Amino acid sequence: MNFIQGKLLPYDANPLPEGANAMPNLDFMLTGDYVELHNLLKITGLADSGGSAKMMVADGAVTVDGRVETRKTCKIRAGQVVLLGDTRIAVHEA
């Protein structure tokens, strides 16, 4: 347990400074068999455009199931987890 400003909080390996907001975990429901990685980033609002999503992926900023993924059109299927920074996207079947 960590103590932050007199409060007992669950352990967090990456505590945030006071006033900072953690980005939420996102749940994404697939409407088909898969979604391409760069499209997932754009649809969830983590990228402003398809071009910026592709750059994030190409720069190695995204992991899929714990491994860095640099293929922009990687097919993301139900059950996979995508991480970008401190944001986690869990992909589910609709």
Protein backbone atom coordinates (compact mmCIF):
# COMPACT_ATOMS: atom_id res chain seq x y z
CA MET A 1 0.00 0.00 0.00
CA ASN A 2 1.13 3.53 -0.72
CA PHE A 3 0.54 6.63 1.35
CA ILE A 4 -0.20 9.75 -0.67
CA GLN A 5 -1.11 12.90 1.22
CA GLY A 6 -2.35 10.96 4.23
CA LYS A 7 -4.49 8.51 2.25
CA LEU A 8 -3.89 4.78 2.06
CA LEU A 9 -4.17 3.73 -1.58
CA PRO A 10 -3.73 0.42 -3.38
CA TYR A 11 -0.21 -0.09 -4.69
CA ASP A 12 0.42 1.59 -8.02
CA ALA A 13 3.75 1.10 -9.79
CA ASN A 14 3.18 4.39 -11.63
CA PRO A 15 1.54 6.80 -9.19
CA LEU A 16 0.20 10.05 -10.61
CA PRO A 17 0.91 13.46 -9.12
CA GLU A 18 -1.98 15.09 -7.28
CA GLY A 19 -4.44 16.64 -9.71
CA ALA A 20 -3.43 14.41 -12.62
CA ASN A 21 -6.08 12.18 -14.14
CA ALA A 22 -5.38 8.63 -15.19
CA MET A 23 -6.70 7.73 -18.59
CA PRO A 24 -9.39 5.11 -18.26
CA ASN A 25 -9.26 1.53 -19.36
CA LEU A 26 -11.33 1.26 -22.50
CA ASP A 27 -13.53 -1.62 -23.59
CA PHE A 28 -13.98 -1.91 -27.36
CA MET A 29 -16.73 -4.07 -28.82
CA LEU A 30 -15.97 -5.55 -32.23
CA THR A 31 -18.72 -5.46 -34.83
CA GLY A 32 -16.82 -7.75 -37.20
CA ASP A 33 -14.05 -10.33 -36.99
CA TYR A 34 -11.27 -7.77 -36.43
CA VAL A 35 -10.28 -4.12 -36.51
CA GLU A 36 -6.98 -2.83 -37.89
CA LEU A 37 -4.71 -1.42 -35.19
CA HIS A 38 -4.47 2.12 -36.59
CA ASN A 39 -8.26 2.25 -36.97
CA LEU A 40 -8.75 1.11 -33.36
CA LEU A 41 -6.58 4.00 -32.13
CA LYS A 42 -8.57 6.45 -34.24
CA ILE A 43 -12.01 5.05 -33.28
CA THR A 44 -11.22 5.11 -29.56
CA GLY A 45 -10.03 8.72 -29.77
CA LEU A 46 -6.43 7.99 -28.82
CA ALA A 47 -5.27 9.35 -32.17
CA ASP A 48 -6.55 12.53 -33.80
CA SER A 49 -6.34 11.06 -37.29
CA GLY A 50 -5.44 7.93 -39.18
CA GLY A 51 -2.08 9.45 -40.04
CA SER A 52 -1.20 10.15 -36.42
CA ALA A 53 -2.35 6.64 -35.45
CA LYS A 54 -0.07 5.14 -38.10
CA MET A 55 2.86 7.22 -36.83
CA MET A 56 2.29 6.05 -33.23
CA VAL A 57 2.32 2.44 -34.35
CA ALA A 58 5.36 2.89 -36.61
CA ASP A 59 7.26 4.59 -33.75
CA GLY A 60 6.74 1.54 -31.51
CA ALA A 61 4.48 3.35 -29.01
CA VAL A 62 1.80 0.64 -29.10
CA THR A 63 1.83 -2.85 -27.65
CA VAL A 64 -0.54 -5.70 -28.42
CA ASP A 65 -0.72 -8.46 -25.82
CA GLY A 66 2.47 -7.16 -24.22
CA ARG A 67 4.59 -7.00 -27.39
CA VAL A 68 5.52 -3.90 -29.36
CA GLU A 69 3.52 -3.87 -32.58
CA THR A 70 4.75 -1.87 -35.58
CA ARG A 71 2.36 -3.21 -38.22
CA LYS A 72 -0.21 -0.46 -38.76
CA THR A 73 -2.78 -2.83 -40.23
CA CYS A 74 -2.29 -5.57 -37.63
CA LYS A 75 -5.65 -7.34 -37.16
CA ILE A 76 -6.87 -6.92 -33.60
CA ARG A 77 -9.36 -9.59 -32.56
CA ALA A 78 -11.58 -10.23 -29.54
CA GLY A 79 -9.58 -11.11 -26.43
CA GLN A 80 -6.55 -9.00 -27.30
CA VAL A 81 -5.30 -6.08 -25.22
CA VAL A 82 -3.75 -2.95 -26.74
CA LEU A 83 -1.69 -0.48 -24.71
CA LEU A 84 -0.81 3.06 -25.70
CA GLY A 85 0.94 4.98 -22.96
CA ASP A 86 -1.10 4.45 -19.81
CA THR A 87 -4.29 3.60 -21.70
CA ARG A 88 -5.41 -0.02 -21.98
CA ILE A 89 -7.92 -1.11 -24.60
CA ALA A 90 -9.57 -4.49 -24.04
CA VAL A 91 -11.20 -5.82 -27.22
CA HIS A 92 -14.39 -7.88 -26.85
CA GLU A 93 -16.87 -9.63 -29.13
CA ALA A 94 -20.15 -7.77 -29.58
